[in-house]
Amino acid sequence: MAVLVRRTTISRTTKETSIELALDLDGGSTDVATGVDFFDHMLGALAKHAGLGLKVRAKGDGMDHHHLIEDVGIALGKAIHDALGEKRGIARFGSVMVPLDEALVACSLDISGRPYVNFRVSFLRADLGQMPTEMVGEFFRALADNARITLHLIQMNGHVAHHVCEATFKAFARAFAQAKAIVGDEIPSTKGVLE
């Protein structure tokens, strides 16, 4: 098997946000600073459980953090897509169920080249610290659209918003860790391409 370098950097600046992101699909340190503490915690958990090296510096317009969280999802999705390259040798699919106390979240994903999101996770609180819980779904939609993956995130149980959110991020991370793993030399598609 050839040694693949699966890392990239993304710079994204708009009138609403400024983001610098470095991603290594095969590990490394994590250093995240978005100004939204709970979101930083979730990104750190995602990186840890997906086996990623991740560095993020992000600033937003400070309105309600909607633009910031969504744009980090866009940047991370673009970085995933870039770092995967032609996707040669990857497992492609990942599927897990992650418990966190009373919460249980299932994630199945396909690094297919075709973005689709089925997000069925709900929260009994509007916010987790400064992070609006409605932005959890928006983050994963932005990530999946830009990474071009098919993503199903489904809450099986849970009522504590912190647990549900953390289980959601960790479920994605663990499923993505399976899917990005190098298991061969071929592009895992009968078409010979994943676009």
C-alpha atoms as a PDB file:
ATOM      1  CA  MET A   1       0.000   0.000   0.000  1.00  0.00           C
ATOM      2  CA  ALA A   2       1.201   3.472  -0.867  1.00  0.00           C
ATOM      3  CA  VAL A   3       1.606   5.918   2.007  1.00  0.00           C
ATOM      4  CA  LEU A   4      -1.089   8.550   1.747  1.00  0.00           C
ATOM      5  CA  VAL A   5      -0.811  12.071   3.079  1.00  0.00           C
ATOM      6  CA  ARG A   6      -4.326  12.934   4.151  1.00  0.00           C
ATOM      7  CA  ARG A   7      -4.164  16.430   5.518  1.00  0.00           C
ATOM      8  CA  THR A   8      -5.134  19.900   4.388  1.00  0.00           C
ATOM      9  CA  THR A   9      -5.694  23.473   5.513  1.00  0.00           C
ATOM     10  CA  ILE A  10      -8.710  25.651   4.860  1.00  0.00           C
ATOM     11  CA  SER A  11      -9.042  29.429   5.141  1.00  0.00           C
ATOM     12  CA  ARG A  12     -12.545  30.861   4.942  1.00  0.00           C
ATOM     13  CA  THR A  13     -13.329  34.549   5.373  1.00  0.00           C
ATOM     14  CA  THR A  14     -16.724  36.151   4.857  1.00  0.00           C
ATOM     15  CA  LYS A  15     -18.393  39.305   6.175  1.00  0.00           C
ATOM     16  CA  GLU A  16     -19.700  37.132   9.019  1.00  0.00           C
ATOM     17  CA  THR A  17     -16.813  34.837   9.965  1.00  0.00           C
ATOM     18  CA  SER A  18     -13.091  34.227   9.716  1.00  0.00           C
ATOM     19  CA  ILE A  19     -11.874  30.631   9.970  1.00  0.00           C
ATOM     20  CA  GLU A  20      -8.455  28.969   9.782  1.00  0.00           C
ATOM     21  CA  LEU A  21      -8.613  25.180   9.962  1.00  0.00           C
ATOM     22  CA  ALA A  22      -5.966  22.456   9.670  1.00  0.00           C
ATOM     23  CA  LEU A  23      -6.998  18.808   9.447  1.00  0.00           C
ATOM     24  CA  ASP A  24      -5.016  15.566   9.488  1.00  0.00           C
ATOM     25  CA  LEU A  25      -7.224  12.523   8.916  1.00  0.00           C
ATOM     26  CA  ASP A  26      -4.620  10.239  10.463  1.00  0.00           C
ATOM     27  CA  GLY A  27      -4.101  11.922  13.803  1.00  0.00           C
ATOM     28  CA  GLY A  28      -2.249  14.657  15.585  1.00  0.00           C
ATOM     29  CA  SER A  29      -2.942  17.269  18.200  1.00  0.00           C
ATOM     30  CA  THR A  30      -6.180  19.133  18.790  1.00  0.00           C
ATOM     31  CA  ASP A  31      -6.273  22.887  19.338  1.00  0.00           C
ATOM     32  CA  VAL A  32      -9.689  24.495  18.916  1.00  0.00           C
ATOM     33  CA  ALA A  33     -10.723  28.070  19.703  1.00  0.00           C
ATOM     34  CA  THR A  34     -14.016  29.396  18.338  1.00  0.00           C
ATOM     35  CA  GLY A  35     -15.058  31.588  21.248  1.00  0.00           C
ATOM     36  CA  VAL A  36     -17.988  29.243  21.986  1.00  0.00           C
ATOM     37  CA  ASP A  37     -16.801  26.997  24.806  1.00  0.00           C
ATOM     38  CA  PHE A  38     -19.319  24.180  24.462  1.00  0.00           C
ATOM     39  CA  PHE A  39     -18.767  24.027  20.693  1.00  0.00           C
ATOM     40  CA  ASP A  40     -15.000  23.839  21.318  1.00  0.00           C
ATOM     41  CA  HIS A  41     -15.670  20.918  23.683  1.00  0.00           C
ATOM     42  CA  MET A  42     -17.718  19.128  21.001  1.00  0.00           C
ATOM     43  CA  LEU A  43     -15.084  19.690  18.294  1.00  0.00           C
ATOM     44  CA  GLY A  44     -12.432  18.353  20.650  1.00  0.00           C
ATOM     45  CA  ALA A  45     -14.528  15.228  21.292  1.00  0.00           C
ATOM     46  CA  LEU A  46     -15.094  14.789  17.560  1.00  0.00           C
ATOM     47  CA  ALA A  47     -11.368  15.007  16.828  1.00  0.00           C
ATOM     48  CA  LYS A  48     -10.457  12.634  19.676  1.00  0.00           C
ATOM     49  CA  HIS A  49     -12.951   9.920  18.791  1.00  0.00           C
ATOM     50  CA  ALA A  50     -12.412  10.181  15.023  1.00  0.00           C
ATOM     51  CA  GLY A  51      -8.623  10.007  15.412  1.00  0.00           C
ATOM     52  CA  LEU A  52      -8.060  13.381  13.771  1.00  0.00           C
ATOM     53  CA  GLY A  53      -5.483  16.087  14.095  1.00  0.00           C
ATOM     54  CA  LEU A  54      -7.560  19.286  14.193  1.00  0.00           C
ATOM     55  CA  LYS A  55      -6.677  22.920  14.660  1.00  0.00           C
ATOM     56  CA  VAL A  56      -9.369  25.597  14.399  1.00  0.00           C
ATOM     57  CA  ARG A  57      -9.222  29.339  14.887  1.00  0.00           C
ATOM     58  CA  ALA A  58     -12.575  30.964  14.243  1.00  0.00           C
ATOM     59  CA  LYS A  59     -14.181  34.341  14.883  1.00  0.00           C
ATOM     60  CA  GLY A  60     -17.780  35.237  14.177  1.00  0.00           C
ATOM     61  CA  ASP A  61     -19.982  38.300  14.081  1.00  0.00           C
ATOM     62  CA  GLY A  62     -21.138  37.596  17.641  1.00  0.00           C
ATOM     63  CA  MET A  63     -24.845  37.722  16.801  1.00  0.00           C
ATOM     64  CA  ASP A  64     -26.059  34.312  18.009  1.00  0.00           C
ATOM     65  CA  HIS A  65     -23.162  32.121  16.855  1.00  0.00           C
ATOM     66  CA  HIS A  66     -25.304  30.745  14.012  1.00  0.00           C
ATOM     67  CA  HIS A  67     -22.911  31.894  11.304  1.00  0.00           C
ATOM     68  CA  LEU A  68     -19.828  30.810  13.243  1.00  0.00           C
ATOM     69  CA  ILE A  69     -20.998  27.244  13.946  1.00  0.00           C
ATOM     70  CA  GLU A  70     -22.376  26.712  10.448  1.00  0.00           C
ATOM     71  CA  ASP A  71     -19.241  28.112   8.796  1.00  0.00           C
ATOM     72  CA  VAL A  72     -16.965  25.888  10.885  1.00  0.00           C
ATOM     73  CA  GLY A  73     -19.100  22.981   9.620  1.00  0.00           C
ATOM     74  CA  ILE A  74     -18.574  24.193   6.046  1.00  0.00           C
ATOM     75  CA  ALA A  75     -14.818  24.529   6.553  1.00  0.00           C
ATOM     76  CA  LEU A  76     -14.473  21.142   8.244  1.00  0.00           C
ATOM     77  CA  GLY A  77     -16.537  19.496   5.511  1.00  0.00           C
ATOM     78  CA  LYS A  78     -14.381  21.045   2.790  1.00  0.00           C
ATOM     79  CA  ALA A  79     -11.244  19.939   4.637  1.00  0.00           C
ATOM     80  CA  ILE A  80     -12.538  16.366   4.933  1.00  0.00           C
ATOM     81  CA  HIS A  81     -13.353  16.291   1.225  1.00  0.00           C
ATOM     82  CA  ASP A  82      -9.942  17.694   0.269  1.00  0.00           C
ATOM     83  CA  ALA A  83      -7.976  15.414   2.607  1.00  0.00           C
ATOM     84  CA  LEU A  84      -9.765  12.272   1.398  1.00  0.00           C
ATOM     85  CA  GLY A  85      -8.676  12.958  -2.189  1.00  0.00           C
ATOM     86  CA  GLU A  86      -9.896  10.249  -4.556  1.00  0.00           C
ATOM     87  CA  LYS A  87     -10.811   8.080  -1.529  1.00  0.00           C
ATOM     88  CA  ARG A  88      -8.622   5.200  -2.624  1.00  0.00           C
ATOM     89  CA  GLY A  89      -8.473   2.372  -0.108  1.00  0.00           C
ATOM     90  CA  ILE A  90     -10.977   3.732   2.403  1.00  0.00           C
ATOM     91  CA  ALA A  91     -13.581   1.537   4.091  1.00  0.00           C
ATOM     92  CA  ARG A  92     -16.183   4.079   2.921  1.00  0.00           C
ATOM     93  CA  PHE A  93     -18.959   3.079   5.355  1.00  0.00           C
ATOM     94  CA  GLY A  94     -19.254   3.540   9.102  1.00  0.00           C
ATOM     95  CA  SER A  95     -22.032   2.711  11.529  1.00  0.00           C
ATOM     96  CA  VAL A  96     -22.151   2.906  15.341  1.00  0.00           C
ATOM     97  CA  MET A  97     -24.415   3.479  18.316  1.00  0.00           C
ATOM     98  CA  VAL A  98     -22.924   5.592  21.090  1.00  0.00           C
ATOM     99  CA  PRO A  99     -24.320   5.707  24.639  1.00  0.00           C
ATOM    100  CA  LEU A 100     -23.687   8.529  27.069  1.00  0.00           C
ATOM    101  CA  ASP A 101     -25.539   7.826  30.303  1.00  0.00           C
ATOM    102  CA  GLU A 102     -29.252   7.887  29.362  1.00  0.00           C
ATOM    103  CA  ALA A 103     -28.569   9.181  25.839  1.00  0.00           C
ATOM    104  CA  LEU A 104     -28.132   6.855  22.883  1.00  0.00           C
ATOM    105  CA  VAL A 105     -27.403   8.110  19.356  1.00  0.00           C
ATOM    106  CA  ALA A 106     -26.916   6.068  16.207  1.00  0.00           C
ATOM    107  CA  CYS A 107     -24.830   7.224  13.243  1.00  0.00           C
ATOM    108  CA  SER A 108     -24.452   5.602   9.849  1.00  0.00           C
ATOM    109  CA  LEU A 109     -22.534   7.297   7.082  1.00  0.00           C
ATOM    110  CA  ASP A 110     -21.230   6.699   3.593  1.00  0.00           C
ATOM    111  CA  ILE A 111     -18.355   8.672   2.079  1.00  0.00           C
ATOM    112  CA  SER A 112     -20.247   8.453  -1.187  1.00  0.00           C
ATOM    113  CA  GLY A 113     -19.704  11.768  -2.941  1.00  0.00           C
ATOM    114  CA  ARG A 114     -23.458  12.349  -2.617  1.00  0.00           C
ATOM    115  CA  PRO A 115     -24.470  14.674   0.223  1.00  0.00           C
ATOM    116  CA  TYR A 116     -27.589  13.734   2.161  1.00  0.00           C
ATOM    117  CA  VAL A 117     -28.513  14.282   5.809  1.00  0.00           C
ATOM    118  CA  ASN A 118     -31.145  12.552   7.916  1.00  0.00           C
ATOM    119  CA  PHE A 119     -30.865  14.332  11.289  1.00  0.00           C
ATOM    120  CA  ARG A 120     -33.327  13.134  13.920  1.00  0.00           C
ATOM    121  CA  VAL A 121     -31.953  14.459  17.193  1.00  0.00           C
ATOM    122  CA  SER A 122     -33.939  16.740  19.492  1.00  0.00           C
ATOM    123  CA  PHE A 123     -33.135  18.818  22.543  1.00  0.00           C
ATOM    124  CA  LEU A 124     -35.198  19.878  25.554  1.00  0.00           C
ATOM    125  CA  ARG A 125     -33.088  23.036  26.024  1.00  0.00           C
ATOM    126  CA  ALA A 126     -32.517  25.917  23.630  1.00  0.00           C
ATOM    127  CA  ASP A 127     -28.861  26.415  24.551  1.00  0.00           C
ATOM    128  CA  LEU A 128     -25.824  24.621  25.910  1.00  0.00           C
ATOM    129  CA  GLY A 129     -23.788  27.469  27.293  1.00  0.00           C
ATOM    130  CA  GLN A 130     -23.487  29.887  24.372  1.00  0.00           C
ATOM    131  CA  MET A 131     -24.208  27.183  21.783  1.00  0.00           C
ATOM    132  CA  PRO A 132     -27.793  27.104  20.453  1.00  0.00           C
ATOM    133  CA  THR A 133     -28.886  23.470  20.304  1.00  0.00           C
ATOM    134  CA  GLU A 134     -30.648  24.086  16.984  1.00  0.00           C
ATOM    135  CA  MET A 135     -27.170  24.595  15.521  1.00  0.00           C
ATOM    136  CA  VAL A 136     -26.142  20.973  16.109  1.00  0.00           C
ATOM    137  CA  GLY A 137     -28.179  19.880  13.102  1.00  0.00           C
ATOM    138  CA  GLU A 138     -27.035  22.875  11.063  1.00  0.00           C
ATOM    139  CA  PHE A 139     -23.396  22.049  11.813  1.00  0.00           C
ATOM    140  CA  PHE A 140     -23.759  18.468  10.612  1.00  0.00           C
ATOM    141  CA  ARG A 141     -25.720  19.518   7.511  1.00  0.00           C
ATOM    142  CA  ALA A 142     -22.982  21.976   6.570  1.00  0.00           C
ATOM    143  CA  LEU A 143     -20.289  19.373   7.235  1.00  0.00           C
ATOM    144  CA  ALA A 144     -22.017  16.600   5.250  1.00  0.00           C
ATOM    145  CA  ASP A 145     -22.886  18.863   2.313  1.00  0.00           C
ATOM    146  CA  ASN A 146     -19.304  20.055   1.960  1.00  0.00           C
ATOM    147  CA  ALA A 147     -17.655  16.695   2.699  1.00  0.00           C
ATOM    148  CA  ARG A 148     -20.130  15.134   0.233  1.00  0.00           C
ATOM    149  CA  ILE A 149     -21.161  12.323   2.521  1.00  0.00           C
ATOM    150  CA  THR A 150     -24.453  10.594   3.231  1.00  0.00           C
ATOM    151  CA  LEU A 151     -25.157  10.997   6.944  1.00  0.00           C
ATOM    152  CA  HIS A 152     -27.823   9.572   9.232  1.00  0.00           C
ATOM    153  CA  LEU A 153     -27.832  10.706  12.878  1.00  0.00           C
ATOM    154  CA  ILE A 154     -30.713   9.313  14.903  1.00  0.00           C
ATOM    155  CA  GLN A 155     -31.413   9.744  18.619  1.00  0.00           C
ATOM    156  CA  MET A 156     -32.599   6.488  20.154  1.00  0.00           C
ATOM    157  CA  ASN A 157     -32.936   7.781  23.720  1.00  0.00           C
ATOM    158  CA  GLY A 158     -31.995  10.653  25.997  1.00  0.00           C
ATOM    159  CA  HIS A 159     -33.334  13.779  27.657  1.00  0.00           C
ATOM    160  CA  VAL A 160     -30.283  15.546  29.105  1.00  0.00           C
ATOM    161  CA  ALA A 161     -29.276  17.966  26.338  1.00  0.00           C
ATOM    162  CA  HIS A 162     -25.568  17.850  27.180  1.00  0.00           C
ATOM    163  CA  HIS A 163     -25.527  14.049  26.951  1.00  0.00           C
ATOM    164  CA  VAL A 164     -27.564  13.977  23.734  1.00  0.00           C
ATOM    165  CA  CYS A 165     -25.311  16.534  22.057  1.00  0.00           C
ATOM    166  CA  GLU A 166     -22.102  14.851  23.124  1.00  0.00           C
ATOM    167  CA  ALA A 167     -23.364  11.421  22.061  1.00  0.00           C
ATOM    168  CA  THR A 168     -24.262  12.908  18.662  1.00  0.00           C
ATOM    169  CA  PHE A 169     -20.772  14.309  18.072  1.00  0.00           C
ATOM    170  CA  LYS A 170     -19.113  11.114  19.317  1.00  0.00           C
ATOM    171  CA  ALA A 171     -21.378   8.897  17.208  1.00  0.00           C
ATOM    172  CA  PHE A 172     -20.422  10.835  14.094  1.00  0.00           C
ATOM    173  CA  ALA A 173     -16.763  10.694  15.088  1.00  0.00           C
ATOM    174  CA  ARG A 174     -16.717   6.932  15.632  1.00  0.00           C
ATOM    175  CA  ALA A 175     -18.609   6.208  12.405  1.00  0.00           C
ATOM    176  CA  PHE A 176     -16.307   8.529  10.470  1.00  0.00           C
ATOM    177  CA  ALA A 177     -13.261   6.828  11.998  1.00  0.00           C
ATOM    178  CA  GLN A 178     -14.507   3.526  10.557  1.00  0.00           C
ATOM    179  CA  ALA A 179     -15.289   4.999   7.150  1.00  0.00           C
ATOM    180  CA  LYS A 180     -12.011   6.885   6.632  1.00  0.00           C
ATOM    181  CA  ALA A 181      -9.864   3.907   7.645  1.00  0.00           C
ATOM    182  CA  ILE A 182      -7.509   2.606   4.956  1.00  0.00           C
ATOM    183  CA  VAL A 183      -8.376  -1.040   4.294  1.00  0.00           C
ATOM    184  CA  GLY A 184      -7.045  -1.625   0.769  1.00  0.00           C
ATOM    185  CA  ASP A 185      -5.764  -0.053  -2.428  1.00  0.00           C
ATOM    186  CA  GLU A 186      -8.878   0.360  -4.541  1.00  0.00           C
ATOM    187  CA  ILE A 187     -11.579   2.995  -4.749  1.00  0.00           C
ATOM    188  CA  PRO A 188     -14.520   1.310  -2.980  1.00  0.00           C
ATOM    189  CA  SER A 189     -17.098   1.654  -5.736  1.00  0.00           C
ATOM    190  CA  THR A 190     -18.191  -0.499  -8.679  1.00  0.00           C
ATOM    191  CA  LYS A 191     -18.073   2.728 -10.722  1.00  0.00           C
ATOM    192  CA  GLY A 192     -14.383   3.107  -9.948  1.00  0.00           C
ATOM    193  CA  VAL A 193     -14.931   6.639  -8.664  1.00  0.00           C
ATOM    194  CA  LEU A 194     -16.554   8.328  -5.660  1.00  0.00           C
ATOM    195  CA  GLU A 195     -17.635  11.829  -6.650  1.00  0.00           C
END
